Amino acid sequence: GVAGFRVDACKHMWPGDLSSVFGRLKTLNTKWFPSGTKPFIY
């Protein structure tokens, strides 16, 4: 049921690698969020 992520040390990872990981993330739990809601990422 989390709403998103603060991702540590992103400067030390390639944006393309992060894009691949974030692209595999599920949408948020519909018990608390509208269907299809993407996780907040900062």
PDB file of all heavy atoms in Angstrom:
ATOM      1  N   GLY A   1       0.768  -1.236   0.000  1.00  0.00           N
ATOM      2  CA  GLY A   1       0.000   0.000   0.000  1.00  0.00           C
ATOM      3  C   GLY A   1       0.797   1.282   0.000  1.00  0.00           C
ATOM      4  O   GLY A   1       0.231   2.362   0.202  1.00  0.00           O
ATOM      5  N   VAL A   2       2.127   1.220  -0.221  1.00  0.00           N
ATOM      6  CA  VAL A   2       2.882   2.480  -0.256  1.00  0.00           C
ATOM      7  C   VAL A   2       2.506   3.280  -1.496  1.00  0.00           C
ATOM      8  O   VAL A   2       2.032   2.728  -2.501  1.00  0.00           O
ATOM      9  CB  VAL A   2       4.408   2.250  -0.189  1.00  0.00           C
ATOM     10  CG1 VAL A   2       4.781   1.356   0.986  1.00  0.00           C
ATOM     11  CG2 VAL A   2       4.964   1.693  -1.495  1.00  0.00           C
ATOM     12  N   ALA A   3       2.728   4.592  -1.426  1.00  0.00           N
ATOM     13  CA  ALA A   3       2.330   5.497  -2.509  1.00  0.00           C
ATOM     14  C   ALA A   3       3.484   5.860  -3.429  1.00  0.00           C
ATOM     15  O   ALA A   3       3.275   6.461  -4.480  1.00  0.00           O
ATOM     16  CB  ALA A   3       1.726   6.773  -1.932  1.00  0.00           C
ATOM     17  N   GLY A   4       4.725   5.513  -3.023  1.00  0.00           N
ATOM     18  CA  GLY A   4       5.856   5.877  -3.864  1.00  0.00           C
ATOM     19  C   GLY A   4       7.168   5.707  -3.132  1.00  0.00           C
ATOM     20  O   GLY A   4       7.222   5.151  -2.029  1.00  0.00           O
ATOM     21  N   PHE A   5       8.221   6.249  -3.776  1.00  0.00           N
ATOM     22  CA  PHE A   5       9.578   5.985  -3.303  1.00  0.00           C
ATOM     23  C   PHE A   5      10.464   7.215  -3.403  1.00  0.00           C
ATOM     24  O   PHE A   5      10.432   7.941  -4.399  1.00  0.00           O
ATOM     25  CB  PHE A   5      10.223   4.869  -4.148  1.00  0.00           C
ATOM     26  CG  PHE A   5       9.408   3.605  -4.171  1.00  0.00           C
ATOM     27  CD1 PHE A   5       8.589   3.306  -5.261  1.00  0.00           C
ATOM     28  CD2 PHE A   5       9.431   2.727  -3.102  1.00  0.00           C
ATOM     29  CE1 PHE A   5       7.820   2.158  -5.271  1.00  0.00           C
ATOM     30  CE2 PHE A   5       8.665   1.572  -3.102  1.00  0.00           C
ATOM     31  CZ  PHE A   5       7.857   1.283  -4.200  1.00  0.00           C
ATOM     32  N   ARG A   6      11.266   7.420  -2.366  1.00  0.00           N
ATOM     33  CA  ARG A   6      12.430   8.296  -2.450  1.00  0.00           C
ATOM     34  C   ARG A   6      13.592   7.360  -2.775  1.00  0.00           C
ATOM     35  O   ARG A   6      13.901   6.451  -2.013  1.00  0.00           O
ATOM     36  CB  ARG A   6      12.662   9.001  -1.112  1.00  0.00           C
ATOM     37  CG  ARG A   6      13.864   9.970  -1.104  1.00  0.00           C
ATOM     38  CD  ARG A   6      15.087   9.340  -0.500  1.00  0.00           C
ATOM     39  NE  ARG A   6      16.204  10.278  -0.344  1.00  0.00           N
ATOM     40  CZ  ARG A   6      17.443   9.935  -0.047  1.00  0.00           C
ATOM     41  NH1 ARG A   6      17.753   8.659   0.145  1.00  0.00           N
ATOM     42  NH2 ARG A   6      18.396  10.830   0.058  1.00  0.00           N
ATOM     43  N   VAL A   7      14.211   7.547  -3.940  1.00  0.00           N
ATOM     44  CA  VAL A   7      15.236   6.618  -4.400  1.00  0.00           C
ATOM     45  C   VAL A   7      16.610   7.215  -4.119  1.00  0.00           C
ATOM     46  O   VAL A   7      16.968   8.277  -4.638  1.00  0.00           O
ATOM     47  CB  VAL A   7      15.065   6.294  -5.899  1.00  0.00           C
ATOM     48  CG1 VAL A   7      16.042   5.196  -6.313  1.00  0.00           C
ATOM     49  CG2 VAL A   7      13.632   5.847  -6.185  1.00  0.00           C
ATOM     50  N   ASP A   8      17.362   6.531  -3.271  1.00  0.00           N
ATOM     51  CA  ASP A   8      18.661   6.999  -2.800  1.00  0.00           C
ATOM     52  C   ASP A   8      19.713   6.905  -3.906  1.00  0.00           C
ATOM     53  O   ASP A   8      19.694   5.989  -4.727  1.00  0.00           O
ATOM     54  CB  ASP A   8      19.079   6.118  -1.608  1.00  0.00           C
ATOM     55  CG  ASP A   8      20.379   6.551  -0.966  1.00  0.00           C
ATOM     56  OD1 ASP A   8      20.418   7.651  -0.404  1.00  0.00           O
ATOM     57  OD2 ASP A   8      21.363   5.778  -1.042  1.00  0.00           O
ATOM     58  N   ALA A   9      20.655   7.846  -3.909  1.00  0.00           N
ATOM     59  CA  ALA A   9      21.890   7.769  -4.715  1.00  0.00           C
ATOM     60  C   ALA A   9      21.639   7.586  -6.207  1.00  0.00           C
ATOM     61  O   ALA A   9      22.360   6.856  -6.882  1.00  0.00           O
ATOM     62  CB  ALA A   9      22.777   6.627  -4.190  1.00  0.00           C
ATOM     63  N   CYS A  10      20.636   8.279  -6.759  1.00  0.00           N
ATOM     64  CA  CYS A  10      20.320   8.097  -8.189  1.00  0.00           C
ATOM     65  C   CYS A  10      21.430   8.588  -9.107  1.00  0.00           C
ATOM     66  O   CYS A  10      21.588   8.075 -10.213  1.00  0.00           O
ATOM     67  CB  CYS A  10      19.002   8.787  -8.531  1.00  0.00           C
ATOM     68  SG  CYS A  10      17.571   7.867  -7.923  1.00  0.00           S
ATOM     69  N   LYS A  11      22.197   9.571  -8.651  1.00  0.00           N
ATOM     70  CA  LYS A  11      23.309  10.053  -9.475  1.00  0.00           C
ATOM     71  C   LYS A  11      24.295   8.940  -9.786  1.00  0.00           C
ATOM     72  O   LYS A  11      25.011   8.995 -10.789  1.00  0.00           O
ATOM     73  CB  LYS A  11      24.020  11.196  -8.728  1.00  0.00           C
ATOM     74  CG  LYS A  11      25.179  11.819  -9.499  1.00  0.00           C
ATOM     75  CD  LYS A  11      25.520  13.200  -8.959  1.00  0.00           C
ATOM     76  CE  LYS A  11      26.388  13.154  -7.738  1.00  0.00           C
ATOM     77  NZ  LYS A  11      26.815  14.517  -7.333  1.00  0.00           N
ATOM     78  N   HIS A  12      24.317   7.913  -8.930  1.00  0.00           N
ATOM     79  CA  HIS A  12      25.263   6.817  -9.080  1.00  0.00           C
ATOM     80  C   HIS A  12      24.694   5.664  -9.905  1.00  0.00           C
ATOM     81  O   HIS A  12      25.305   4.597  -9.981  1.00  0.00           O
ATOM     82  CB  HIS A  12      25.697   6.333  -7.693  1.00  0.00           C
ATOM     83  CG  HIS A  12      26.347   7.423  -6.900  1.00  0.00           C
ATOM     84  ND1 HIS A  12      27.646   7.821  -7.113  1.00  0.00           N
ATOM     85  CD2 HIS A  12      25.860   8.243  -5.933  1.00  0.00           C
ATOM     86  CE1 HIS A  12      27.941   8.826  -6.291  1.00  0.00           C
ATOM     87  NE2 HIS A  12      26.867   9.101  -5.572  1.00  0.00           N
ATOM     88  N   MET A  13      23.522   5.888 -10.522  1.00  0.00           N
ATOM     89  CA  MET A  13      22.916   4.889 -11.403  1.00  0.00           C
ATOM     90  C   MET A  13      22.597   5.523 -12.750  1.00  0.00           C
ATOM     91  O   MET A  13      22.266   6.706 -12.823  1.00  0.00           O
ATOM     92  CB  MET A  13      21.641   4.328 -10.760  1.00  0.00           C
ATOM     93  CG  MET A  13      21.902   3.526  -9.490  1.00  0.00           C
ATOM     94  SD  MET A  13      20.393   2.922  -8.677  1.00  0.00           S
ATOM     95  CE  MET A  13      19.926   4.353  -7.700  1.00  0.00           C
ATOM     96  N   TRP A  14      22.703   4.730 -13.811  1.00  0.00           N
ATOM     97  CA  TRP A  14      22.403   5.224 -15.157  1.00  0.00           C
ATOM     98  C   TRP A  14      20.897   5.415 -15.300  1.00  0.00           C
ATOM     99  O   TRP A  14      20.117   4.529 -14.915  1.00  0.00           O
ATOM    100  CB  TRP A  14      22.919   4.255 -16.214  1.00  0.00           C
ATOM    101  CG  TRP A  14      24.417   4.181 -16.245  1.00  0.00           C
ATOM    102  CD1 TRP A  14      25.217   3.304 -15.570  1.00  0.00           C
ATOM    103  CD2 TRP A  14      25.299   5.056 -16.970  1.00  0.00           C
ATOM    104  NE1 TRP A  14      26.549   3.576 -15.818  1.00  0.00           N
ATOM    105  CE2 TRP A  14      26.633   4.641 -16.682  1.00  0.00           C
ATOM    106  CE3 TRP A  14      25.104   6.137 -17.821  1.00  0.00           C
ATOM    107  CZ2 TRP A  14      27.743   5.275 -17.231  1.00  0.00           C
ATOM    108  CZ3 TRP A  14      26.221   6.774 -18.362  1.00  0.00           C
ATOM    109  CH2 TRP A  14      27.525   6.332 -18.073  1.00  0.00           C
ATOM    110  N   PRO A  15      20.459   6.563 -15.857  1.00  0.00           N
ATOM    111  CA  PRO A  15      19.019   6.789 -16.023  1.00  0.00           C
ATOM    112  C   PRO A  15      18.321   5.666 -16.793  1.00  0.00           C
ATOM    113  O   PRO A  15      17.187   5.300 -16.466  1.00  0.00           O
ATOM    114  CB  PRO A  15      18.960   8.122 -16.790  1.00  0.00           C
ATOM    115  CG  PRO A  15      20.219   8.837 -16.406  1.00  0.00           C
ATOM    116  CD  PRO A  15      21.258   7.757 -16.246  1.00  0.00           C
ATOM    117  N   GLY A  16      18.999   5.101 -17.779  1.00  0.00           N
ATOM    118  CA  GLY A  16      18.388   4.004 -18.537  1.00  0.00           C
ATOM    119  C   GLY A  16      18.117   2.780 -17.682  1.00  0.00           C
ATOM    120  O   GLY A  16      17.101   2.093 -17.859  1.00  0.00           O
ATOM    121  N   ASP A  17      19.027   2.496 -16.747  1.00  0.00           N
ATOM    122  CA  ASP A  17      18.823   1.363 -15.846  1.00  0.00           C
ATOM    123  C   ASP A  17      17.644   1.627 -14.910  1.00  0.00           C
ATOM    124  O   ASP A  17      16.818   0.739 -14.661  1.00  0.00           O
ATOM    125  CB  ASP A  17      20.087   1.089 -15.023  1.00  0.00           C
ATOM    126  CG  ASP A  17      21.259   0.613 -15.890  1.00  0.00           C
ATOM    127  OD1 ASP A  17      21.006   0.147 -17.016  1.00  0.00           O
ATOM    128  OD2 ASP A  17      22.414   0.707 -15.432  1.00  0.00           O
ATOM    129  N   LEU A  18      17.564   2.856 -14.393  1.00  0.00           N
ATOM    130  CA  LEU A  18      16.440   3.216 -13.527  1.00  0.00           C
ATOM    131  C   LEU A  18      15.123   3.158 -14.297  1.00  0.00           C
ATOM    132  O   LEU A  18      14.110   2.682 -13.771  1.00  0.00           O
ATOM    133  CB  LEU A  18      16.645   4.612 -12.938  1.00  0.00           C
ATOM    134  CG  LEU A  18      17.705   4.728 -11.845  1.00  0.00           C
ATOM    135  CD1 LEU A  18      17.941   6.193 -11.492  1.00  0.00           C
ATOM    136  CD2 LEU A  18      17.285   3.956 -10.595  1.00  0.00           C
ATOM    137  N   SER A  19      15.139   3.616 -15.536  1.00  0.00           N
ATOM    138  CA  SER A  19      13.931   3.576 -16.366  1.00  0.00           C
ATOM    139  C   SER A  19      13.416   2.149 -16.505  1.00  0.00           C
ATOM    140  O   SER A  19      12.208   1.893 -16.415  1.00  0.00           O
ATOM    141  CB  SER A  19      14.230   4.171 -17.747  1.00  0.00           C
ATOM    142  OG  SER A  19      13.101   4.094 -18.581  1.00  0.00           O
ATOM    143  N   SER A  20      14.346   1.208 -16.682  1.00  0.00           N
ATOM    144  CA  SER A  20      13.943  -0.195 -16.810  1.00  0.00           C
ATOM    145  C   SER A  20      13.321  -0.708 -15.513  1.00  0.00           C
ATOM    146  O   SER A  20      12.295  -1.401 -15.529  1.00  0.00           O
ATOM    147  CB  SER A  20      15.156  -1.055 -17.185  1.00  0.00           C
ATOM    148  OG  SER A  20      14.799  -2.419 -17.243  1.00  0.00           O
ATOM    149  N   VAL A  21      13.926  -0.352 -14.379  1.00  0.00           N
ATOM    150  CA  VAL A  21      13.369  -0.791 -13.091  1.00  0.00           C
ATOM    151  C   VAL A  21      11.996  -0.160 -12.860  1.00  0.00           C
ATOM    152  O   VAL A  21      11.020  -0.850 -12.526  1.00  0.00           O
ATOM    153  CB  VAL A  21      14.323  -0.431 -11.933  1.00  0.00           C
ATOM    154  CG1 VAL A  21      13.646  -0.664 -10.579  1.00  0.00           C
ATOM    155  CG2 VAL A  21      15.607  -1.247 -12.026  1.00  0.00           C
ATOM    156  N   PHE A  22      11.895   1.161 -13.053  1.00  0.00           N
ATOM    157  CA  PHE A  22      10.626   1.851 -12.798  1.00  0.00           C
ATOM    158  C   PHE A  22       9.535   1.360 -13.749  1.00  0.00           C
ATOM    159  O   PHE A  22       8.352   1.349 -13.390  1.00  0.00           O
ATOM    160  CB  PHE A  22      10.796   3.371 -12.927  1.00  0.00           C
ATOM    161  CG  PHE A  22      11.767   3.976 -11.933  1.00  0.00           C
ATOM    162  CD1 PHE A  22      12.327   5.228 -12.172  1.00  0.00           C
ATOM    163  CD2 PHE A  22      12.127   3.305 -10.777  1.00  0.00           C
ATOM    164  CE1 PHE A  22      13.213   5.800 -11.270  1.00  0.00           C
ATOM    165  CE2 PHE A  22      13.028   3.861  -9.871  1.00  0.00           C
ATOM    166  CZ  PHE A  22      13.571   5.114 -10.117  1.00  0.00           C
ATOM    167  N   GLY A  23       9.944   0.973 -14.949  1.00  0.00           N
ATOM    168  CA  GLY A  23       8.982   0.457 -15.918  1.00  0.00           C
ATOM    169  C   GLY A  23       8.367  -0.875 -15.521  1.00  0.00           C
ATOM    170  O   GLY A  23       7.344  -1.284 -16.070  1.00  0.00           O
ATOM    171  N   ARG A  24       8.980  -1.560 -14.564  1.00  0.00           N
ATOM    172  CA  ARG A  24       8.470  -2.852 -14.083  1.00  0.00           C
ATOM    173  C   ARG A  24       7.572  -2.714 -12.862  1.00  0.00           C
ATOM    174  O   ARG A  24       7.081  -3.720 -12.339  1.00  0.00           O
ATOM    175  CB  ARG A  24       9.654  -3.767 -13.714  1.00  0.00           C
ATOM    176  CG  ARG A  24      10.575  -4.069 -14.883  1.00  0.00           C
ATOM    177  CD  ARG A  24      11.780  -4.892 -14.433  1.00  0.00           C
ATOM    178  NE  ARG A  24      12.762  -4.997 -15.516  1.00  0.00           N
ATOM    179  CZ  ARG A  24      13.472  -6.088 -15.776  1.00  0.00           C
ATOM    180  NH1 ARG A  24      13.323  -7.170 -15.026  1.00  0.00           N
ATOM    181  NH2 ARG A  24      14.320  -6.106 -16.773  1.00  0.00           N
ATOM    182  N   LEU A  25       7.386  -1.482 -12.393  1.00  0.00           N
ATOM    183  CA  LEU A  25       6.619  -1.301 -11.169  1.00  0.00           C
ATOM    184  C   LEU A  25       5.123  -1.420 -11.414  1.00  0.00           C
ATOM    185  O   LEU A  25       4.599  -0.986 -12.438  1.00  0.00           O
ATOM    186  CB  LEU A  25       6.933   0.065 -10.546  1.00  0.00           C
ATOM    187  CG  LEU A  25       8.389   0.272 -10.109  1.00  0.00           C
ATOM    188  CD1 LEU A  25       8.535   1.605  -9.403  1.00  0.00           C
ATOM    189  CD2 LEU A  25       8.881  -0.868  -9.218  1.00  0.00           C
ATOM    190  N   LYS A  26       4.438  -1.997 -10.457  1.00  0.00           N
ATOM    191  CA  LYS A  26       2.991  -2.121 -10.496  1.00  0.00           C
ATOM    192  C   LYS A  26       2.335  -0.757 -10.279  1.00  0.00           C
ATOM    193  O   LYS A  26       2.979   0.183  -9.799  1.00  0.00           O
ATOM    194  CB  LYS A  26       2.516  -3.080  -9.395  1.00  0.00           C
ATOM    195  CG  LYS A  26       3.041  -4.497  -9.519  1.00  0.00           C
ATOM    196  CD  LYS A  26       2.534  -5.339  -8.356  1.00  0.00           C
ATOM    197  CE  LYS A  26       3.021  -6.786  -8.472  1.00  0.00           C
ATOM    198  NZ  LYS A  26       2.486  -7.612  -7.350  1.00  0.00           N
ATOM    199  N   THR A  27       1.059  -0.669 -10.604  1.00  0.00           N
ATOM    200  CA  THR A  27       0.297   0.506 -10.190  1.00  0.00           C
ATOM    201  C   THR A  27      -0.107   0.313  -8.721  1.00  0.00           C
ATOM    202  O   THR A  27      -0.014  -0.787  -8.168  1.00  0.00           O
ATOM    203  CB  THR A  27      -0.941   0.705 -11.079  1.00  0.00           C
ATOM    204  OG1 THR A  27      -1.681  -0.514 -11.129  1.00  0.00           O
ATOM    205  CG2 THR A  27      -0.516   1.097 -12.495  1.00  0.00           C
ATOM    206  N   LEU A  28      -0.542   1.397  -8.098  1.00  0.00           N
ATOM    207  CA  LEU A  28      -0.761   1.384  -6.650  1.00  0.00           C
ATOM    208  C   LEU A  28      -1.967   0.532  -6.254  1.00  0.00           C
ATOM    209  O   LEU A  28      -2.874   0.287  -7.039  1.00  0.00           O
ATOM    210  CB  LEU A  28      -0.925   2.811  -6.129  1.00  0.00           C
ATOM    211  CG  LEU A  28       0.278   3.747  -6.348  1.00  0.00           C
ATOM    212  CD1 LEU A  28       0.030   5.092  -5.664  1.00  0.00           C
ATOM    213  CD2 LEU A  28       1.581   3.120  -5.840  1.00  0.00           C
ATOM    214  N   ASN A  29      -1.949   0.113  -4.995  1.00  0.00           N
ATOM    215  CA  ASN A  29      -2.979  -0.750  -4.438  1.00  0.00           C
ATOM    216  C   ASN A  29      -4.345  -0.062  -4.493  1.00  0.00           C
ATOM    217  O   ASN A  29      -4.528   1.032  -3.938  1.00  0.00           O
ATOM    218  CB  ASN A  29      -2.607  -1.071  -2.981  1.00  0.00           C
ATOM    219  CG  ASN A  29      -3.461  -2.148  -2.363  1.00  0.00           C
ATOM    220  OD1 ASN A  29      -4.671  -2.174  -2.546  1.00  0.00           O
ATOM    221  ND2 ASN A  29      -2.833  -3.038  -1.610  1.00  0.00           N
ATOM    222  N   THR A  30      -5.298  -0.708  -5.158  1.00  0.00           N
ATOM    223  CA  THR A  30      -6.605  -0.078  -5.391  1.00  0.00           C
ATOM    224  C   THR A  30      -7.462  -0.011  -4.131  1.00  0.00           C
ATOM    225  O   THR A  30      -8.547   0.573  -4.149  1.00  0.00           O
ATOM    226  CB  THR A  30      -7.384  -0.824  -6.490  1.00  0.00           C
ATOM    227  OG1 THR A  30      -7.455  -2.218  -6.143  1.00  0.00           O
ATOM    228  CG2 THR A  30      -6.708  -0.666  -7.837  1.00  0.00           C
ATOM    229  N   LYS A  31      -6.981  -0.592  -3.029  1.00  0.00           N
ATOM    230  CA  LYS A  31      -7.717  -0.427  -1.774  1.00  0.00           C
ATOM    231  C   LYS A  31      -7.706   1.036  -1.341  1.00  0.00           C
ATOM    232  O   LYS A  31      -8.644   1.515  -0.693  1.00  0.00           O
ATOM    233  CB  LYS A  31      -7.107  -1.318  -0.685  1.00  0.00           C
ATOM    234  CG  LYS A  31      -7.845  -1.266   0.644  1.00  0.00           C
ATOM    235  CD  LYS A  31      -7.291  -2.264   1.636  1.00  0.00           C
ATOM    236  CE  LYS A  31      -8.037  -2.167   2.976  1.00  0.00           C
ATOM    237  NZ  LYS A  31      -7.494  -3.107   3.981  1.00  0.00           N
ATOM    238  N   TRP A  32      -6.619   1.742  -1.696  1.00  0.00           N
ATOM    239  CA  TRP A  32      -6.475   3.137  -1.246  1.00  0.00           C
ATOM    240  C   TRP A  32      -6.277   4.143  -2.382  1.00  0.00           C
ATOM    241  O   TRP A  32      -6.346   5.350  -2.149  1.00  0.00           O
ATOM    242  CB  TRP A  32      -5.303   3.257  -0.272  1.00  0.00           C
ATOM    243  CG  TRP A  32      -5.510   2.492   0.991  1.00  0.00           C
ATOM    244  CD1 TRP A  32      -6.417   2.790   1.988  1.00  0.00           C
ATOM    245  CD2 TRP A  32      -4.837   1.310   1.412  1.00  0.00           C
ATOM    246  NE1 TRP A  32      -6.325   1.863   2.998  1.00  0.00           N
ATOM    247  CE2 TRP A  32      -5.360   0.936   2.682  1.00  0.00           C
ATOM    248  CE3 TRP A  32      -3.830   0.513   0.857  1.00  0.00           C
ATOM    249  CZ2 TRP A  32      -4.921  -0.178   3.380  1.00  0.00           C
ATOM    250  CZ3 TRP A  32      -3.385  -0.595   1.565  1.00  0.00           C
ATOM    251  CH2 TRP A  32      -3.929  -0.944   2.804  1.00  0.00           C
ATOM    252  N   PHE A  33      -6.000   3.657  -3.600  1.00  0.00           N
ATOM    253  CA  PHE A  33      -5.700   4.572  -4.704  1.00  0.00           C
ATOM    254  C   PHE A  33      -6.545   4.210  -5.925  1.00  0.00           C
ATOM    255  O   PHE A  33      -6.873   3.034  -6.125  1.00  0.00           O
ATOM    256  CB  PHE A  33      -4.207   4.513  -5.059  1.00  0.00           C
ATOM    257  CG  PHE A  33      -3.308   4.881  -3.924  1.00  0.00           C
ATOM    258  CD1 PHE A  33      -2.763   3.909  -3.089  1.00  0.00           C
ATOM    259  CD2 PHE A  33      -3.008   6.212  -3.661  1.00  0.00           C
ATOM    260  CE1 PHE A  33      -1.951   4.245  -2.017  1.00  0.00           C
ATOM    261  CE2 PHE A  33      -2.194   6.566  -2.594  1.00  0.00           C
ATOM    262  CZ  PHE A  33      -1.665   5.582  -1.771  1.00  0.00           C
ATOM    263  N   PRO A  34      -6.877   5.203  -6.757  1.00  0.00           N
ATOM    264  CA  PRO A  34      -7.647   4.915  -7.967  1.00  0.00           C
ATOM    265  C   PRO A  34      -6.908   3.923  -8.870  1.00  0.00           C
ATOM    266  O   PRO A  34      -5.676   3.917  -8.919  1.00  0.00           O
ATOM    267  CB  PRO A  34      -7.769   6.285  -8.640  1.00  0.00           C
ATOM    268  CG  PRO A  34      -7.566   7.281  -7.557  1.00  0.00           C
ATOM    269  CD  PRO A  34      -6.609   6.645  -6.593  1.00  0.00           C
ATOM    270  N   SER A  35      -7.652   3.102  -9.564  1.00  0.00           N
ATOM    271  CA  SER A  35      -7.080   2.101 -10.465  1.00  0.00           C
ATOM    272  C   SER A  35      -6.153   2.762 -11.478  1.00  0.00           C
ATOM    273  O   SER A  35      -6.481   3.817 -12.044  1.00  0.00           O
ATOM    274  CB  SER A  35      -8.213   1.359 -11.188  1.00  0.00           C
ATOM    275  OG  SER A  35      -7.686   0.413 -12.084  1.00  0.00           O
ATOM    276  N   GLY A  36      -4.981   2.162 -11.694  1.00  0.00           N
ATOM    277  CA  GLY A  36      -4.041   2.667 -12.684  1.00  0.00           C
ATOM    278  C   GLY A  36      -3.115   3.754 -12.191  1.00  0.00           C
ATOM    279  O   GLY A  36      -2.324   4.296 -12.964  1.00  0.00           O
ATOM    280  N   THR A  37      -3.159   4.085 -10.884  1.00  0.00           N
ATOM    281  CA  THR A  37      -2.304   5.150 -10.341  1.00  0.00           C
ATOM    282  C   THR A  37      -0.858   4.672 -10.247  1.00  0.00           C
ATOM    283  O   THR A  37      -0.577   3.622  -9.674  1.00  0.00           O
ATOM    284  CB  THR A  37      -2.782   5.570  -8.942  1.00  0.00           C
ATOM    285  OG1 THR A  37      -4.160   5.939  -9.009  1.00  0.00           O
ATOM    286  CG2 THR A  37      -1.970   6.752  -8.432  1.00  0.00           C
ATOM    287  N   LYS A  38       0.052   5.462 -10.795  1.00  0.00           N
ATOM    288  CA  LYS A  38       1.469   5.106 -10.761  1.00  0.00           C
ATOM    289  C   LYS A  38       2.110   5.556  -9.448  1.00  0.00           C
ATOM    290  O   LYS A  38       1.706   6.568  -8.872  1.00  0.00           O
ATOM    291  CB  LYS A  38       2.219   5.769 -11.925  1.00  0.00           C
ATOM    292  CG  LYS A  38       1.785   5.263 -13.288  1.00  0.00           C
ATOM    293  CD  LYS A  38       2.435   6.063 -14.392  1.00  0.00           C
ATOM    294  CE  LYS A  38       1.953   5.590 -15.753  1.00  0.00           C
ATOM    295  NZ  LYS A  38       2.452   6.453 -16.834  1.00  0.00           N
ATOM    296  N   PRO A  39       3.130   4.833  -8.984  1.00  0.00           N
ATOM    297  CA  PRO A  39       3.818   5.269  -7.770  1.00  0.00           C
ATOM    298  C   PRO A  39       4.540   6.593  -7.996  1.00  0.00           C
ATOM    299  O   PRO A  39       5.086   6.836  -9.080  1.00  0.00           O
ATOM    300  CB  PRO A  39       4.818   4.141  -7.490  1.00  0.00           C
ATOM    301  CG  PRO A  39       5.004   3.454  -8.804  1.00  0.00           C
ATOM    302  CD  PRO A  39       3.703   3.596  -9.542  1.00  0.00           C
ATOM    303  N   PHE A  40       4.523   7.444  -6.987  1.00  0.00           N
ATOM    304  CA  PHE A  40       5.293   8.688  -7.007  1.00  0.00           C
ATOM    305  C   PHE A  40       6.769   8.335  -6.822  1.00  0.00           C
ATOM    306  O   PHE A  40       7.117   7.556  -5.937  1.00  0.00           O
ATOM    307  CB  PHE A  40       4.814   9.586  -5.866  1.00  0.00           C
ATOM    308  CG  PHE A  40       5.542  10.887  -5.715  1.00  0.00           C
ATOM    309  CD1 PHE A  40       5.831  11.689  -6.807  1.00  0.00           C
ATOM    310  CD2 PHE A  40       5.930  11.342  -4.458  1.00  0.00           C
ATOM    311  CE1 PHE A  40       6.491  12.911  -6.654  1.00  0.00           C
ATOM    312  CE2 PHE A  40       6.582  12.558  -4.293  1.00  0.00           C
ATOM    313  CZ  PHE A  40       6.857  13.335  -5.390  1.00  0.00           C
ATOM    314  N   ILE A  41       7.612   8.909  -7.664  1.00  0.00           N
ATOM    315  CA  ILE A  41       9.048   8.658  -7.554  1.00  0.00           C
ATOM    316  C   ILE A  41       9.772   9.994  -7.431  1.00  0.00           C
ATOM    317  O   ILE A  41       9.565  10.902  -8.235  1.00  0.00           O
ATOM    318  CB  ILE A  41       9.573   7.869  -8.771  1.00  0.00           C
ATOM    319  CG1 ILE A  41       9.054   6.422  -8.699  1.00  0.00           C
ATOM    320  CG2 ILE A  41      11.101   7.888  -8.830  1.00  0.00           C
ATOM    321  CD1 ILE A  41       9.351   5.600  -9.915  1.00  0.00           C
ATOM    322  N   TYR A  42      10.588  10.125  -6.387  1.00  0.00           N
ATOM    323  CA  TYR A  42      11.483  11.279  -6.306  1.00  0.00           C
ATOM    324  C   TYR A  42      12.884  10.778  -6.022  1.00  0.00           C
ATOM    325  O   TYR A  42      13.114   9.963  -5.160  1.00  0.00           O
ATOM    326  CB  TYR A  42      11.016  12.338  -5.308  1.00  0.00           C
ATOM    327  CG  TYR A  42      10.671  11.922  -3.900  1.00  0.00           C
ATOM    328  CD1 TYR A  42      11.495  12.270  -2.836  1.00  0.00           C
ATOM    329  CD2 TYR A  42       9.492  11.241  -3.613  1.00  0.00           C
ATOM    330  CE1 TYR A  42      11.158  11.943  -1.521  1.00  0.00           C
ATOM    331  CE2 TYR A  42       9.147  10.908  -2.308  1.00  0.00           C
ATOM    332  CZ  TYR A  42       9.992  11.257  -1.269  1.00  0.00           C
ATOM    333  OH  TYR A  42       9.657  10.928   0.024  1.00  0.00           O
TER     334      TYR A  42
END
